[in-house]
Protein backbone atom coordinates (compact mmCIF):
# COMPACT_ATOMS: atom_id res chain seq x y z
CA MET A 1 91.91 92.58 70.55
CA SER A 2 91.99 88.91 69.58
CA TRP A 3 89.50 86.29 70.68
CA GLU A 4 92.27 84.48 72.49
CA ARG A 5 92.97 87.47 74.71
CA ILE A 6 89.26 88.12 75.35
CA TRP A 7 88.64 84.54 76.48
CA MET A 8 91.74 84.64 78.68
CA ILE A 9 90.50 87.81 80.40
CA VAL A 10 87.05 86.27 80.91
CA SER A 11 88.68 83.15 82.33
CA ALA A 12 90.76 85.15 84.80
CA LEU A 13 87.77 87.22 85.92
CA LEU A 14 85.65 84.12 86.49
CA LEU A 15 88.39 82.41 88.49
CA ILE A 16 88.84 85.54 90.62
CA ALA A 17 85.08 85.55 91.18
CA ALA A 18 85.29 81.89 92.19
CA ALA A 19 87.98 82.73 94.76
CA VAL A 20 85.85 85.53 96.22
CA LEU A 21 82.82 83.26 96.36
CA LEU A 22 84.89 80.56 98.06
CA TRP A 23 85.99 83.11 100.66
CA ARG A 24 82.31 83.94 101.22
CA ASN A 25 81.57 80.19 101.55
CA ASN A 26 79.12 80.00 98.62
CA LEU A 27 80.24 76.62 97.32
CA SER A 28 77.62 76.08 94.61
CA ALA A 29 78.42 79.45 93.04
CA VAL A 30 82.14 78.64 93.29
CA PHE A 31 81.60 75.49 91.25
CA VAL A 32 79.63 77.27 88.54
CA SER A 33 82.06 80.18 88.33
CA ALA A 34 85.12 77.92 88.24
CA ALA A 35 83.54 75.66 85.61
CA LEU A 36 82.74 78.65 83.41
CA GLY A 37 86.29 79.94 83.91
CA ALA A 38 87.69 76.60 82.79
CA CYS A 39 85.42 76.65 79.73
CA ALA A 40 86.62 80.16 78.88
CA TRP A 41 90.23 78.99 79.17
CA PHE A 42 89.54 76.11 76.76
CA LEU A 43 87.92 78.56 74.33
CA SER A 44 91.05 80.69 74.57
CA TYR A 45 93.19 77.68 73.75
CA ARG A 46 90.89 76.81 70.84
CA ALA A 47 91.19 80.33 69.44
CA GLN A 48 94.97 80.08 69.68
CA LEU A 49 95.01 76.76 67.81
CA ARG A 50 92.66 78.10 65.11
CA ALA A 51 94.92 81.11 64.55
CA LYS A 52 97.99 78.88 64.33
CA THR A 53 96.23 76.54 61.89
CA ALA A 54 95.22 79.45 59.67
CA VAL A 55 98.81 80.70 59.55
CA ASP A 56 100.10 77.20 58.76
CA GLU A 57 97.55 76.80 55.94
CA GLU A 58 98.53 80.17 54.46
CA SER A 59 102.21 79.26 54.50
CA ASN A 60 101.45 75.88 52.88
CA GLU A 61 99.46 77.59 50.11
CA GLU A 62 102.31 80.02 49.47
CA THR A 63 104.93 77.26 49.23
CA SER A 64 102.73 75.11 46.97
CA ALA A 65 102.15 78.08 44.64
CA GLU A 66 105.90 78.67 44.37
CA GLU A 67 106.78 75.07 43.56
CA PRO A 68 105.94 73.83 40.06
CA TYR A 69 103.83 70.73 39.82
CA GLU A 70 105.81 67.72 38.62
CA ASP A 71 104.23 64.53 37.42
């Protein structure tokens, strides 16, 4: 399981917890839970960008190795 998927699951669980806490009228806990859920979503997005960057760097290294260096 990738980090992106793990952070997305954590984000969804925290936002569900925030909804339940809102229903129970515990507003301070709603804020904390929703803020942590948003942070987990941003970490998911960061993991996605890091994976994409790694793939792009690998493809750039492969193409530069195939092309001869010309001066």
